[in-house]
């Protein structure tokens, strides 16, 4: 599982950390697909496919058999948005207050030009119907008309004209791990991470990439675990859930949920940290999108821990406190700060919770109470008036409307 040091040296010490194969930039028109064509290309996929994802979330979060959260809901601050498909949604991003993209499973891809109130399905002309539905688009990132999209199986797409045309970016087979995130940073600039903890930047639209970390997380864990340090055995396993703050710092969670790691720009290596609790980590993120303002951690069983002080990244553990949130055992999948005081958490069985005191106490919000499925992502865009969206299974998209 560990990458040999010789390979690491070759990959991480040069500025072109991985050199893509000779680039043949295929520009492809992105056209609105009619409802009939979208239905045809997904006709062999039954809507029951999302039940497997729901079962997986329920199993890991302990949702099955758990009592329902308190029904005395005092708020209903989100409204459902109609979409041209009913597949699981993974990410959403905007480059203007009105223009944005939504991505999901089975080739789901949609565009809005009215701030997210209505969406039109989009389709790539160079992907036939059977090929397109095999892709799961997981990440989108846009800045001033330039955008990036990641998909699985491994696929990277790039546009310079607000999605009118796209090109497929070839990736080297020597890339350590699979691309897991990409962030648009300006004209021709982007930052990409991989499932092995590699971090790369490009300044020429993906033609060349420069490594920002000297070794992958696997290599770091191997070095620490074999160093003879007492208690280092919990620093084992692969990583998931890499998230980036507004200034380029990262959090990553072990796939086993038994530890997490941090990285800041300028560091040579990731730093592992003990979770400080016997419960398994479900997800982690940043307080107000800034590692200097703290981090949050969700645990199995519907627990939420928040460290709202600037964490000491050299410390083995962080100073977490448990939030007062009654989930009835439903797992929490994501947390986001809308303002300094207003915090939202979402989870299994489409549960939603809101705090108005910076994450100390949460109350139940019934916006999605009668909709089957699970919520996976909640996101606010502070650069566009703090507009917010929550994404889930069965094509569920909720837009924040407030009180």
Foldseek 3Di string as FASTA:
>chain_A
DFDDPVLLCCQAVDFLSFAFDPDDWDKWFKDFDDLVVVCVLCVVPDQCPCVVVQVVQCVQQVVPPFDFFDPPADAAFKAWADASFFFFWADKDAQAQFWIWTFFAQLFIWITRGNPRYITTIDTPVADSPRRRHKTWHEKEDHPLWIWIAIPVGWIWIDNHNRRIITTAGDDPSPPAGWDYKYDDDVLWIWIAHQQGWIWITNHNRNGIGTQASGTLSVVLVCQVPVPDPPSVLSDATWDAWDAFPQGKIKIAHPFQQWIWIDDGPDHHIQIAGAPDPFGWQYKAAQQRDLQQWMKTWTRQAWIWTQRHNFDNNDRYGDIDTAADGRSSFGWQDKDDLDQQWIWIFTRQGWIWIGRGRRRYIGTHCNCVPPGWGWHDKDFDVVNVRWIWITTGRGTIMTGRGD
